[in-house]
Amino acid sequence: MKILIDMNISPDLVKVLNNSGFEAIHWSEVGAANASDREITAWAKNNSYAILTHDLDFGAILAVYQASAPSVIQIRTQNLLSSNFKTLLINVLRQFTNELENGALITVEPNRTKVKILPIIR
């Protein structure tokens, strides 16, 4: 699975994910730091990456446009480099690989994970 890490998450997570069997890159490697969320979303979709972010706007974009891709993993915790969080994230990515490959919005919190299959229909 290919994961694009948003600017609001440390590039240090790239190595962690790559060492865990994922193909991860940080947005700073492929795009401008001031790129809009829509630009990042389009790049991720065109290049078959899921987006890992702290930003709730990506979920809103998926909902407004009733998009079926790209998948988005929203992180709802502050300590992203703790060993507990890294383990949680890797477990979530492995558990929901199929959903992410087929289009999903996944919200990861310290004590729960929520999955919405794309497109999000209201």
PDB file of N, CA and C in Angstrom:
ATOM      1  N   MET A   1       0.844  -1.174   0.000  1.00  0.00           N
ATOM      2  CA  MET A   1       0.000   0.000   0.000  1.00  0.00           C
ATOM      3  C   MET A   1       0.889   1.237   0.000  1.00  0.00           C
ATOM      4  N   LYS A   2       0.478   2.232  -0.773  1.00  0.00           N
ATOM      5  CA  LYS A   2       1.231   3.477  -0.879  1.00  0.00           C
ATOM      6  C   LYS A   2       0.558   4.553  -0.027  1.00  0.00           C
ATOM      7  N   ILE A   3       1.369   5.232   0.778  1.00  0.00           N
ATOM      8  CA  ILE A   3       0.847   6.229   1.713  1.00  0.00           C
ATOM      9  C   ILE A   3       1.571   7.545   1.516  1.00  0.00           C
ATOM     10  N   LEU A   4       0.796   8.602   1.302  1.00  0.00           N
ATOM     11  CA  LEU A   4       1.311   9.960   1.193  1.00  0.00           C
ATOM     12  C   LEU A   4       1.105  10.653   2.531  1.00  0.00           C
ATOM     13  N   ILE A   5       2.190  11.069   3.158  1.00  0.00           N
ATOM     14  CA  ILE A   5       2.116  11.716   4.465  1.00  0.00           C
ATOM     15  C   ILE A   5       2.007  13.224   4.262  1.00  0.00           C
ATOM     16  N   ASP A   6       0.981  13.807   4.813  1.00  0.00           N
ATOM     17  CA  ASP A   6       0.700  15.230   4.681  1.00  0.00           C
ATOM     18  C   ASP A   6       1.749  16.070   5.416  1.00  0.00           C
ATOM     19  N   MET A   7       1.825  17.346   5.039  1.00  0.00           N
ATOM     20  CA  MET A   7       2.800  18.280   5.615  1.00  0.00           C
ATOM     21  C   MET A   7       2.660  18.440   7.126  1.00  0.00           C
ATOM     22  N   ASN A   8       1.472  18.210   7.663  1.00  0.00           N
ATOM     23  CA  ASN A   8       1.265  18.427   9.092  1.00  0.00           C
ATOM     24  C   ASN A   8       1.713  17.236   9.945  1.00  0.00           C
ATOM     25  N   ILE A   9       2.365  16.277   9.323  1.00  0.00           N
ATOM     26  CA  ILE A   9       2.910  15.113  10.031  1.00  0.00           C
ATOM     27  C   ILE A   9       4.401  15.033   9.731  1.00  0.00           C
ATOM     28  N   SER A  10       5.173  14.700  10.725  1.00  0.00           N
ATOM     29  CA  SER A  10       6.627  14.649  10.589  1.00  0.00           C
ATOM     30  C   SER A  10       7.081  13.679   9.505  1.00  0.00           C
ATOM     31  N   PRO A  11       8.077  14.080   8.710  1.00  0.00           N
ATOM     32  CA  PRO A  11       8.652  13.160   7.724  1.00  0.00           C
ATOM     33  C   PRO A  11       9.313  11.937   8.370  1.00  0.00           C
ATOM     34  N   ASP A  12       9.574  11.986   9.667  1.00  0.00           N
ATOM     35  CA  ASP A  12      10.171  10.847  10.367  1.00  0.00           C
ATOM     36  C   ASP A  12       9.294   9.598  10.265  1.00  0.00           C
ATOM     37  N   LEU A  13       8.003   9.792  10.039  1.00  0.00           N
ATOM     38  CA  LEU A  13       7.082   8.658   9.941  1.00  0.00           C
ATOM     39  C   LEU A  13       7.281   7.870   8.640  1.00  0.00           C
ATOM     40  N   VAL A  14       7.905   8.479   7.631  1.00  0.00           N
ATOM     41  CA  VAL A  14       8.166   7.780   6.367  1.00  0.00           C
ATOM     42  C   VAL A  14       8.993   6.525   6.623  1.00  0.00           C
ATOM     43  N   LYS A  15      10.074   6.680   7.359  1.00  0.00           N
ATOM     44  CA  LYS A  15      10.969   5.545   7.633  1.00  0.00           C
ATOM     45  C   LYS A  15      10.235   4.449   8.413  1.00  0.00           C
ATOM     46  N   VAL A  16       9.459   4.847   9.394  1.00  0.00           N
ATOM     47  CA  VAL A  16       8.709   3.878  10.208  1.00  0.00           C
ATOM     48  C   VAL A  16       7.786   3.049   9.322  1.00  0.00           C
ATOM     49  N   LEU A  17       7.041   3.721   8.439  1.00  0.00           N
ATOM     50  CA  LEU A  17       6.096   3.009   7.576  1.00  0.00           C
ATOM     51  C   LEU A  17       6.829   2.162   6.531  1.00  0.00           C
ATOM     52  N   ASN A  18       7.890   2.705   5.943  1.00  0.00           N
ATOM     53  CA  ASN A  18       8.653   1.932   4.958  1.00  0.00           C
ATOM     54  C   ASN A  18       9.256   0.681   5.591  1.00  0.00           C
ATOM     55  N   ASN A  19       9.752   0.805   6.821  1.00  0.00           N
ATOM     56  CA  ASN A  19      10.331  -0.345   7.529  1.00  0.00           C
ATOM     57  C   ASN A  19       9.277  -1.373   7.922  1.00  0.00           C
ATOM     58  N   SER A  20       8.003  -0.966   7.879  1.00  0.00           N
ATOM     59  CA  SER A  20       6.901  -1.877   8.231  1.00  0.00           C
ATOM     60  C   SER A  20       6.231  -2.472   7.004  1.00  0.00           C
ATOM     61  N   GLY A  21       6.825  -2.261   5.839  1.00  0.00           N
ATOM     62  CA  GLY A  21       6.322  -2.882   4.629  1.00  0.00           C
ATOM     63  C   GLY A  21       5.410  -2.029   3.775  1.00  0.00           C
ATOM     64  N   PHE A  22       5.265  -0.775   4.105  1.00  0.00           N
ATOM     65  CA  PHE A  22       4.439   0.134   3.314  1.00  0.00           C
ATOM     66  C   PHE A  22       5.352   0.986   2.439  1.00  0.00           C
ATOM     67  N   GLU A  23       4.795   1.543   1.383  1.00  0.00           N
ATOM     68  CA  GLU A  23       5.531   2.472   0.529  1.00  0.00           C
ATOM     69  C   GLU A  23       5.053   3.871   0.897  1.00  0.00           C
ATOM     70  N   ALA A  24       5.848   4.580   1.674  1.00  0.00           N
ATOM     71  CA  ALA A  24       5.439   5.891   2.168  1.00  0.00           C
ATOM     72  C   ALA A  24       6.363   6.990   1.649  1.00  0.00           C
ATOM     73  N   ILE A  25       5.752   8.143   1.347  1.00  0.00           N
ATOM     74  CA  ILE A  25       6.509   9.340   1.014  1.00  0.00           C
ATOM     75  C   ILE A  25       5.855  10.508   1.738  1.00  0.00           C
ATOM     76  N   HIS A  26       6.627  11.547   1.942  1.00  0.00           N
ATOM     77  CA  HIS A  26       6.123  12.776   2.564  1.00  0.00           C
ATOM     78  C   HIS A  26       5.817  13.769   1.451  1.00  0.00           C
ATOM     79  N   TRP A  27       4.746  14.533   1.633  1.00  0.00           N
ATOM     80  CA  TRP A  27       4.353  15.497   0.596  1.00  0.00           C
ATOM     81  C   TRP A  27       5.515  16.412   0.213  1.00  0.00           C
ATOM     82  N   SER A  28       6.372  16.764   1.141  1.00  0.00           N
ATOM     83  CA  SER A  28       7.500  17.663   0.854  1.00  0.00           C
ATOM     84  C   SER A  28       8.442  17.074  -0.200  1.00  0.00           C
ATOM     85  N   GLU A  29       8.376  15.760  -0.437  1.00  0.00           N
ATOM     86  CA  GLU A  29       9.211  15.119  -1.458  1.00  0.00           C
ATOM     87  C   GLU A  29       8.630  15.270  -2.859  1.00  0.00           C
ATOM     88  N   VAL A  30       7.340  15.572  -2.959  1.00  0.00           N
ATOM     89  CA  VAL A  30       6.694  15.574  -4.274  1.00  0.00           C
ATOM     90  C   VAL A  30       5.948  16.859  -4.610  1.00  0.00           C
ATOM     91  N   GLY A  31       5.714  17.721  -3.626  1.00  0.00           N
ATOM     92  CA  GLY A  31       4.919  18.917  -3.894  1.00  0.00           C
ATOM     93  C   GLY A  31       5.323  20.097  -3.042  1.00  0.00           C
ATOM     94  N   ALA A  32       4.720  21.218  -3.340  1.00  0.00           N
ATOM     95  CA  ALA A  32       5.017  22.470  -2.644  1.00  0.00           C
ATOM     96  C   ALA A  32       4.423  22.462  -1.236  1.00  0.00           C
ATOM     97  N   ALA A  33       5.143  23.053  -0.305  1.00  0.00           N
ATOM     98  CA  ALA A  33       4.694  23.112   1.091  1.00  0.00           C
ATOM     99  C   ALA A  33       3.365  23.849   1.227  1.00  0.00           C
ATOM    100  N   ASN A  34       3.092  24.791   0.331  1.00  0.00           N
ATOM    101  CA  ASN A  34       1.861  25.578   0.426  1.00  0.00           C
ATOM    102  C   ASN A  34       0.757  25.058  -0.501  1.00  0.00           C
ATOM    103  N   ALA A  35       0.878  23.825  -0.961  1.00  0.00           N
ATOM    104  CA  ALA A  35      -0.143  23.246  -1.842  1.00  0.00           C
ATOM    105  C   ALA A  35      -1.484  23.155  -1.121  1.00  0.00           C
ATOM    106  N   SER A  36      -2.538  23.322  -1.868  1.00  0.00           N
ATOM    107  CA  SER A  36      -3.881  23.216  -1.279  1.00  0.00           C
ATOM    108  C   SER A  36      -4.221  21.749  -1.027  1.00  0.00           C
ATOM    109  N   ASP A  37      -5.177  21.537  -0.145  1.00  0.00           N
ATOM    110  CA  ASP A  37      -5.631  20.173   0.134  1.00  0.00           C
ATOM    111  C   ASP A  37      -6.210  19.528  -1.126  1.00  0.00           C
ATOM    112  N   ARG A  38      -6.857  20.310  -1.956  1.00  0.00           N
ATOM    113  CA  ARG A  38      -7.407  19.763  -3.207  1.00  0.00           C
ATOM    114  C   ARG A  38      -6.287  19.311  -4.142  1.00  0.00           C
ATOM    115  N   GLU A  39      -5.175  20.063  -4.176  1.00  0.00           N
ATOM    116  CA  GLU A  39      -4.037  19.668  -5.008  1.00  0.00           C
ATOM    117  C   GLU A  39      -3.423  18.361  -4.492  1.00  0.00           C
ATOM    118  N   ILE A  40      -3.275  18.260  -3.181  1.00  0.00           N
ATOM    119  CA  ILE A  40      -2.727  17.044  -2.572  1.00  0.00           C
ATOM    120  C   ILE A  40      -3.656  15.859  -2.839  1.00  0.00           C
ATOM    121  N   THR A  41      -4.942  16.087  -2.706  1.00  0.00           N
ATOM    122  CA  THR A  41      -5.924  15.032  -2.962  1.00  0.00           C
ATOM    123  C   THR A  41      -5.840  14.550  -4.405  1.00  0.00           C
ATOM    124  N   ALA A  42      -5.755  15.476  -5.337  1.00  0.00           N
ATOM    125  CA  ALA A  42      -5.671  15.106  -6.752  1.00  0.00           C
ATOM    126  C   ALA A  42      -4.400  14.308  -7.031  1.00  0.00           C
ATOM    127  N   TRP A  43      -3.280  14.744  -6.462  1.00  0.00           N
ATOM    128  CA  TRP A  43      -2.011  14.029  -6.675  1.00  0.00           C
ATOM    129  C   TRP A  43      -2.107  12.611  -6.118  1.00  0.00           C
ATOM    130  N   ALA A  44      -2.645  12.492  -4.914  1.00  0.00           N
ATOM    131  CA  ALA A  44      -2.768  11.170  -4.288  1.00  0.00           C
ATOM    132  C   ALA A  44      -3.660  10.261  -5.134  1.00  0.00           C
ATOM    133  N   LYS A  45      -4.761  10.773  -5.600  1.00  0.00           N
ATOM    134  CA  LYS A  45      -5.672   9.967  -6.420  1.00  0.00           C
ATOM    135  C   LYS A  45      -4.990   9.546  -7.724  1.00  0.00           C
ATOM    136  N   ASN A  46      -4.344  10.480  -8.398  1.00  0.00           N
ATOM    137  CA  ASN A  46      -3.698  10.194  -9.682  1.00  0.00           C
ATOM    138  C   ASN A  46      -2.530   9.226  -9.561  1.00  0.00           C
ATOM    139  N   ASN A  47      -1.931   9.146  -8.377  1.00  0.00           N
ATOM    140  CA  ASN A  47      -0.757   8.297  -8.168  1.00  0.00           C
ATOM    141  C   ASN A  47      -1.045   7.094  -7.270  1.00  0.00           C
ATOM    142  N   SER A  48      -2.321   6.868  -6.959  1.00  0.00           N
ATOM    143  CA  SER A  48      -2.775   5.707  -6.176  1.00  0.00           C
ATOM    144  C   SER A  48      -2.180   5.643  -4.765  1.00  0.00           C
ATOM    145  N   TYR A  49      -2.174   6.790  -4.090  1.00  0.00           N
ATOM    146  CA  TYR A  49      -1.716   6.863  -2.704  1.00  0.00           C
ATOM    147  C   TYR A  49      -2.906   7.140  -1.790  1.00  0.00           C
ATOM    148  N   ALA A  50      -2.867   6.586  -0.589  1.00  0.00           N
ATOM    149  CA  ALA A  50      -3.774   6.985   0.484  1.00  0.00           C
ATOM    150  C   ALA A  50      -3.090   8.146   1.205  1.00  0.00           C
ATOM    151  N   ILE A  51      -3.867   9.064   1.741  1.00  0.00           N
ATOM    152  CA  ILE A  51      -3.326  10.235   2.437  1.00  0.00           C
ATOM    153  C   ILE A  51      -3.386   9.999   3.939  1.00  0.00           C
ATOM    154  N   LEU A  52      -2.265  10.218   4.614  1.00  0.00           N
ATOM    155  CA  LEU A  52      -2.193  10.180   6.072  1.00  0.00           C
ATOM    156  C   LEU A  52      -2.074  11.615   6.547  1.00  0.00           C
ATOM    157  N   THR A  53      -3.020  12.066   7.372  1.00  0.00           N
ATOM    158  CA  THR A  53      -3.082  13.479   7.736  1.00  0.00           C
ATOM    159  C   THR A  53      -3.615  13.699   9.143  1.00  0.00           C
ATOM    160  N   HIS A  54      -3.392  14.902   9.614  1.00  0.00           N
ATOM    161  CA  HIS A  54      -3.971  15.398  10.857  1.00  0.00           C
ATOM    162  C   HIS A  54      -5.156  16.309  10.539  1.00  0.00           C
ATOM    163  N   ASP A  55      -5.335  16.615   9.282  1.00  0.00           N
ATOM    164  CA  ASP A  55      -6.252  17.636   8.785  1.00  0.00           C
ATOM    165  C   ASP A  55      -7.631  17.039   8.497  1.00  0.00           C
ATOM    166  N   LEU A  56      -8.663  17.621   9.053  1.00  0.00           N
ATOM    167  CA  LEU A  56     -10.028  17.145   8.817  1.00  0.00           C
ATOM    168  C   LEU A  56     -10.581  17.578   7.465  1.00  0.00           C
ATOM    169  N   ASP A  57      -9.910  18.517   6.796  1.00  0.00           N
ATOM    170  CA  ASP A  57     -10.403  19.018   5.516  1.00  0.00           C
ATOM    171  C   ASP A  57     -10.452  17.938   4.439  1.00  0.00           C
ATOM    172  N   PHE A  58      -9.559  16.968   4.499  1.00  0.00           N
ATOM    173  CA  PHE A  58      -9.567  15.928   3.480  1.00  0.00           C
ATOM    174  C   PHE A  58     -10.860  15.112   3.534  1.00  0.00           C
ATOM    175  N   GLY A  59     -11.324  14.804   4.718  1.00  0.00           N
ATOM    176  CA  GLY A  59     -12.593  14.099   4.866  1.00  0.00           C
ATOM    177  C   GLY A  59     -13.744  14.920   4.319  1.00  0.00           C
ATOM    178  N   ALA A  60     -13.699  16.232   4.556  1.00  0.00           N
ATOM    179  CA  ALA A  60     -14.737  17.123   4.043  1.00  0.00           C
ATOM    180  C   ALA A  60     -14.720  17.157   2.514  1.00  0.00           C
ATOM    181  N   ILE A  61     -13.535  17.179   1.923  1.00  0.00           N
ATOM    182  CA  ILE A  61     -13.417  17.158   0.462  1.00  0.00           C
ATOM    183  C   ILE A  61     -14.031  15.875  -0.097  1.00  0.00           C
ATOM    184  N   LEU A  62     -13.710  14.745   0.515  1.00  0.00           N
ATOM    185  CA  LEU A  62     -14.276  13.474   0.058  1.00  0.00           C
ATOM    186  C   LEU A  62     -15.799  13.497   0.126  1.00  0.00           C
ATOM    187  N   ALA A  63     -16.336  14.047   1.212  1.00  0.00           N
ATOM    188  CA  ALA A  63     -17.790  14.084   1.395  1.00  0.00           C
ATOM    189  C   ALA A  63     -18.462  15.027   0.393  1.00  0.00           C
ATOM    190  N   VAL A  64     -17.927  16.230   0.249  1.00  0.00           N
ATOM    191  CA  VAL A  64     -18.542  17.218  -0.637  1.00  0.00           C
ATOM    192  C   VAL A  64     -18.577  16.729  -2.084  1.00  0.00           C
ATOM    193  N   TYR A  65     -17.482  16.124  -2.518  1.00  0.00           N
ATOM    194  CA  TYR A  65     -17.401  15.673  -3.910  1.00  0.00           C
ATOM    195  C   TYR A  65     -17.856  14.222  -4.106  1.00  0.00           C
ATOM    196  N   GLN A  66     -18.301  13.599  -3.004  1.00  0.00           N
ATOM    197  CA  GLN A  66     -18.710  12.194  -3.035  1.00  0.00           C
ATOM    198  C   GLN A  66     -17.681  11.357  -3.789  1.00  0.00           C
ATOM    199  N   ALA A  67     -16.422  11.595  -3.447  1.00  0.00           N
ATOM    200  CA  ALA A  67     -15.293  10.940  -4.112  1.00  0.00           C
ATOM    201  C   ALA A  67     -15.140   9.497  -3.643  1.00  0.00           C
ATOM    202  N   SER A  68     -14.689   8.664  -4.545  1.00  0.00           N
ATOM    203  CA  SER A  68     -14.417   7.268  -4.194  1.00  0.00           C
ATOM    204  C   SER A  68     -12.923   7.033  -3.967  1.00  0.00           C
ATOM    205  N   ALA A  69     -12.116   8.068  -4.188  1.00  0.00           N
ATOM    206  CA  ALA A  69     -10.666   7.994  -3.967  1.00  0.00           C
ATOM    207  C   ALA A  69     -10.137   9.423  -3.871  1.00  0.00           C
ATOM    208  N   PRO A  70      -9.033   9.630  -3.219  1.00  0.00           N
ATOM    209  CA  PRO A  70      -8.165   8.648  -2.573  1.00  0.00           C
ATOM    210  C   PRO A  70      -8.668   8.318  -1.172  1.00  0.00           C
ATOM    211  N   SER A  71      -8.166   7.227  -0.635  1.00  0.00           N
ATOM    212  CA  SER A  71      -8.453   6.924   0.767  1.00  0.00           C
ATOM    213  C   SER A  71      -7.707   7.921   1.644  1.00  0.00           C
ATOM    214  N   VAL A  72      -8.280   8.181   2.815  1.00  0.00           N
ATOM    215  CA  VAL A  72      -7.679   9.118   3.768  1.00  0.00           C
ATOM    216  C   VAL A  72      -7.665   8.484   5.142  1.00  0.00           C
ATOM    217  N   ILE A  73      -6.521   8.608   5.809  1.00  0.00           N
ATOM    218  CA  ILE A  73      -6.388   8.176   7.204  1.00  0.00           C
ATOM    219  C   ILE A  73      -6.199   9.443   8.022  1.00  0.00           C
ATOM    220  N   GLN A  74      -7.188   9.776   8.851  1.00  0.00           N
ATOM    221  CA  GLN A  74      -7.137  10.969   9.705  1.00  0.00           C
ATOM    222  C   GLN A  74      -6.644  10.571  11.090  1.00  0.00           C
ATOM    223  N   ILE A  75      -5.624  11.233  11.556  1.00  0.00           N
ATOM    224  CA  ILE A  75      -5.061  10.952  12.865  1.00  0.00           C
ATOM    225  C   ILE A  75      -5.604  11.968  13.861  1.00  0.00           C
ATOM    226  N   ARG A  76      -6.168  11.494  14.950  1.00  0.00           N
ATOM    227  CA  ARG A  76      -6.755  12.379  15.952  1.00  0.00           C
ATOM    228  C   ARG A  76      -6.033  12.229  17.285  1.00  0.00           C
ATOM    229  N   THR A  77      -4.720  12.394  17.266  1.00  0.00           N
ATOM    230  CA  THR A  77      -3.918  12.396  18.484  1.00  0.00           C
ATOM    231  C   THR A  77      -2.760  13.352  18.265  1.00  0.00           C
ATOM    232  N   GLN A  78      -2.138  13.806  19.318  1.00  0.00           N
ATOM    233  CA  GLN A  78      -1.051  14.771  19.189  1.00  0.00           C
ATOM    234  C   GLN A  78       0.333  14.138  19.150  1.00  0.00           C
ATOM    235  N   ASN A  79       0.525  13.027  19.821  1.00  0.00           N
ATOM    236  CA  ASN A  79       1.857  12.432  19.938  1.00  0.00           C
ATOM    237  C   ASN A  79       2.077  11.389  18.842  1.00  0.00           C
ATOM    238  N   LEU A  80       2.397  11.866  17.631  1.00  0.00           N
ATOM    239  CA  LEU A  80       2.488  10.992  16.472  1.00  0.00           C
ATOM    240  C   LEU A  80       3.756  10.159  16.412  1.00  0.00           C
ATOM    241  N   LEU A  81       4.761  10.510  17.175  1.00  0.00           N
ATOM    242  CA  LEU A  81       6.012   9.764  17.103  1.00  0.00           C
ATOM    243  C   LEU A  81       6.215   8.821  18.287  1.00  0.00           C
ATOM    244  N   SER A  82       5.219   8.708  19.145  1.00  0.00           N
ATOM    245  CA  SER A  82       5.347   7.773  20.263  1.00  0.00           C
ATOM    246  C   SER A  82       5.292   6.341  19.740  1.00  0.00           C
ATOM    247  N   SER A  83       5.946   5.442  20.435  1.00  0.00           N
ATOM    248  CA  SER A  83       5.940   4.045  20.003  1.00  0.00           C
ATOM    249  C   SER A  83       4.526   3.471  20.048  1.00  0.00           C
ATOM    250  N   ASN A  84       3.713   3.905  21.006  1.00  0.00           N
ATOM    251  CA  ASN A  84       2.324   3.426  21.088  1.00  0.00           C
ATOM    252  C   ASN A  84       1.537   3.818  19.844  1.00  0.00           C
ATOM    253  N   PHE A  85       1.708   5.072  19.412  1.00  0.00           N
ATOM    254  CA  PHE A  85       0.977   5.525  18.235  1.00  0.00           C
ATOM    255  C   PHE A  85       1.462   4.801  16.984  1.00  0.00           C
ATOM    256  N   LYS A  86       2.765   4.661  16.833  1.00  0.00           N
ATOM    257  CA  LYS A  86       3.302   3.987  15.652  1.00  0.00           C
ATOM    258  C   LYS A  86       2.734   2.569  15.540  1.00  0.00           C
ATOM    259  N   THR A  87       2.701   1.869  16.660  1.00  0.00           N
ATOM    260  CA  THR A  87       2.157   0.503  16.674  1.00  0.00           C
ATOM    261  C   THR A  87       0.679   0.521  16.303  1.00  0.00           C
ATOM    262  N   LEU A  88      -0.084   1.439  16.881  1.00  0.00           N
ATOM    263  CA  LEU A  88      -1.508   1.566  16.573  1.00  0.00           C
ATOM    264  C   LEU A  88      -1.709   1.835  15.085  1.00  0.00           C
ATOM    265  N   LEU A  89      -0.974   2.785  14.529  1.00  0.00           N
ATOM    266  CA  LEU A  89      -1.122   3.136  13.119  1.00  0.00           C
ATOM    267  C   LEU A  89      -0.814   1.948  12.215  1.00  0.00           C
ATOM    268  N   ILE A  90       0.278   1.277  12.456  1.00  0.00           N
ATOM    269  CA  ILE A  90       0.657   0.132  11.632  1.00  0.00           C
ATOM    270  C   ILE A  90      -0.402  -0.967  11.722  1.00  0.00           C
ATOM    271  N   ASN A  91      -0.919  -1.212  12.918  1.00  0.00           N
ATOM    272  CA  ASN A  91      -1.976  -2.212  13.082  1.00  0.00           C
ATOM    273  C   ASN A  91      -3.238  -1.832  12.311  1.00  0.00           C
ATOM    274  N   VAL A  92      -3.610  -0.550  12.363  1.00  0.00           N
ATOM    275  CA  VAL A  92      -4.793  -0.078  11.637  1.00  0.00           C
ATOM    276  C   VAL A  92      -4.577  -0.229  10.132  1.00  0.00           C
ATOM    277  N   LEU A  93      -3.404   0.157   9.639  1.00  0.00           N
ATOM    278  CA  LEU A  93      -3.119   0.040   8.209  1.00  0.00           C
ATOM    279  C   LEU A  93      -3.187  -1.413   7.752  1.00  0.00           C
ATOM    280  N   ARG A  94      -2.675  -2.312   8.555  1.00  0.00           N
ATOM    281  CA  ARG A  94      -2.717  -3.737   8.200  1.00  0.00           C
ATOM    282  C   ARG A  94      -4.135  -4.294   8.287  1.00  0.00           C
ATOM    283  N   GLN A  95      -4.860  -3.894   9.327  1.00  0.00           N
ATOM    284  CA  GLN A  95      -6.219  -4.403   9.522  1.00  0.00           C
ATOM    285  C   GLN A  95      -7.169  -3.941   8.417  1.00  0.00           C
ATOM    286  N   PHE A  96      -6.983  -2.719   7.940  1.00  0.00           N
ATOM    287  CA  PHE A  96      -7.914  -2.138   6.978  1.00  0.00           C
ATOM    288  C   PHE A  96      -7.304  -1.947   5.586  1.00  0.00           C
ATOM    289  N   THR A  97      -6.314  -2.763   5.239  1.00  0.00           N
ATOM    290  CA  THR A  97      -5.672  -2.662   3.924  1.00  0.00           C
ATOM    291  C   THR A  97      -6.690  -2.760   2.798  1.00  0.00           C
ATOM    292  N   ASN A  98      -7.572  -3.732   2.864  1.00  0.00           N
ATOM    293  CA  ASN A  98      -8.554  -3.926   1.804  1.00  0.00           C
ATOM    294  C   ASN A  98      -9.452  -2.701   1.648  1.00  0.00           C
ATOM    295  N   GLU A  99      -9.922  -2.166   2.761  1.00  0.00           N
ATOM    296  CA  GLU A  99     -10.786  -0.985   2.719  1.00  0.00           C
ATOM    297  C   GLU A  99     -10.033   0.200   2.123  1.00  0.00           C
ATOM    298  N   LEU A 100      -8.786   0.384   2.529  1.00  0.00           N
ATOM    299  CA  LEU A 100      -7.996   1.508   2.018  1.00  0.00           C
ATOM    300  C   LEU A 100      -7.711   1.361   0.526  1.00  0.00           C
ATOM    301  N   GLU A 101      -7.488   0.161   0.082  1.00  0.00           N
ATOM    302  CA  GLU A 101      -7.225  -0.060  -1.340  1.00  0.00           C
ATOM    303  C   GLU A 101      -8.475   0.147  -2.193  1.00  0.00           C
ATOM    304  N   ASN A 102      -9.647   0.023  -1.581  1.00  0.00           N
ATOM    305  CA  ASN A 102     -10.900   0.175  -2.313  1.00  0.00           C
ATOM    306  C   ASN A 102     -11.603   1.502  -2.064  1.00  0.00           C
ATOM    307  N   GLY A 103     -11.070   2.347  -1.191  1.00  0.00           N
ATOM    308  CA  GLY A 103     -11.645   3.661  -0.923  1.00  0.00           C
ATOM    309  C   GLY A 103     -12.301   3.754   0.435  1.00  0.00           C
ATOM    310  N   ALA A 104     -11.616   4.412   1.376  1.00  0.00           N
ATOM    311  CA  ALA A 104     -12.158   4.550   2.726  1.00  0.00           C
ATOM    312  C   ALA A 104     -11.629   5.817   3.387  1.00  0.00           C
ATOM    313  N   LEU A 105     -12.400   6.306   4.331  1.00  0.00           N
ATOM    314  CA  LEU A 105     -11.978   7.367   5.236  1.00  0.00           C
ATOM    315  C   LEU A 105     -11.866   6.712   6.602  1.00  0.00           C
ATOM    316  N   ILE A 106     -10.654   6.675   7.134  1.00  0.00           N
ATOM    317  CA  ILE A 106     -10.424   6.031   8.421  1.00  0.00           C
ATOM    318  C   ILE A 106      -9.944   7.074   9.410  1.00  0.00           C
ATOM    319  N   THR A 107     -10.614   7.138  10.537  1.00  0.00           N
ATOM    320  CA  THR A 107     -10.228   8.052  11.611  1.00  0.00           C
ATOM    321  C   THR A 107      -9.624   7.220  12.729  1.00  0.00           C
ATOM    322  N   VAL A 108      -8.376   7.549  13.081  1.00  0.00           N
ATOM    323  CA  VAL A 108      -7.649   6.803  14.100  1.00  0.00           C
ATOM    324  C   VAL A 108      -7.517   7.677  15.335  1.00  0.00           C
ATOM    325  N   GLU A 109      -8.103   7.218  16.424  1.00  0.00           N
ATOM    326  CA  GLU A 109      -7.996   7.878  17.728  1.00  0.00           C
ATOM    327  C   GLU A 109      -7.290   6.916  18.671  1.00  0.00           C
ATOM    328  N   PRO A 110      -6.773   7.397  19.795  1.00  0.00           N
ATOM    329  CA  PRO A 110      -6.045   6.500  20.700  1.00  0.00           C
ATOM    330  C   PRO A 110      -6.844   5.279  21.147  1.00  0.00           C
ATOM    331  N   ASN A 111      -8.168   5.432  21.317  1.00  0.00           N
ATOM    332  CA  ASN A 111      -8.958   4.329  21.861  1.00  0.00           C
ATOM    333  C   ASN A 111      -9.989   3.741  20.904  1.00  0.00           C
ATOM    334  N   ARG A 112     -10.022   4.239  19.647  1.00  0.00           N
ATOM    335  CA  ARG A 112     -10.966   3.685  18.683  1.00  0.00           C
ATOM    336  C   ARG A 112     -10.583   4.093  17.267  1.00  0.00           C
ATOM    337  N   THR A 113     -11.107   3.325  16.338  1.00  0.00           N
ATOM    338  CA  THR A 113     -10.907   3.588  14.921  1.00  0.00           C
ATOM    339  C   THR A 113     -12.264   3.534  14.239  1.00  0.00           C
ATOM    340  N   LYS A 114     -12.547   4.532  13.393  1.00  0.00           N
ATOM    341  CA  LYS A 114     -13.808   4.571  12.650  1.00  0.00           C
ATOM    342  C   LYS A 114     -13.497   4.457  11.159  1.00  0.00           C
ATOM    343  N   VAL A 115     -14.290   3.660  10.460  1.00  0.00           N
ATOM    344  CA  VAL A 115     -14.097   3.445   9.030  1.00  0.00           C
ATOM    345  C   VAL A 115     -15.376   3.816   8.285  1.00  0.00           C
ATOM    346  N   LYS A 116     -15.238   4.664   7.261  1.00  0.00           N
ATOM    347  CA  LYS A 116     -16.344   4.970   6.361  1.00  0.00           C
ATOM    348  C   LYS A 116     -15.896   4.576   4.962  1.00  0.00           C
ATOM    349  N   ILE A 117     -16.709   3.816   4.288  1.00  0.00           N
ATOM    350  CA  ILE A 117     -16.409   3.389   2.927  1.00  0.00           C
ATOM    351  C   ILE A 117     -16.785   4.531   1.974  1.00  0.00           C
ATOM    352  N   LEU A 118     -15.938   4.764   0.983  1.00  0.00           N
ATOM    353  CA  LEU A 118     -16.181   5.814  -0.003  1.00  0.00           C
ATOM    354  C   LEU A 118     -17.020   5.273  -1.152  1.00  0.00           C
ATOM    355  N   PRO A 119     -17.829   6.110  -1.779  1.00  0.00           N
ATOM    356  CA  PRO A 119     -18.048   7.516  -1.460  1.00  0.00           C
ATOM    357  C   PRO A 119     -18.935   7.694  -0.242  1.00  0.00           C
ATOM    358  N   ILE A 120     -18.773   8.847   0.416  1.00  0.00           N
ATOM    359  CA  ILE A 120     -19.584   9.174   1.586  1.00  0.00           C
ATOM    360  C   ILE A 120     -20.861   9.837   1.069  1.00  0.00           C
ATOM    361  N   ILE A 121     -21.974   9.160   1.230  1.00  0.00           N
ATOM    362  CA  ILE A 121     -23.257   9.666   0.772  1.00  0.00           C
ATOM    363  C   ILE A 121     -24.037  10.166   1.983  1.00  0.00           C
ATOM    364  N   ARG A 122     -24.527  11.374   1.883  1.00  0.00           N
ATOM    365  CA  ARG A 122     -25.282  11.948   2.995  1.00  0.00           C
ATOM    366  C   ARG A 122     -26.757  11.859   2.734  1.00  0.00           C
TER     367      ARG A 122
END
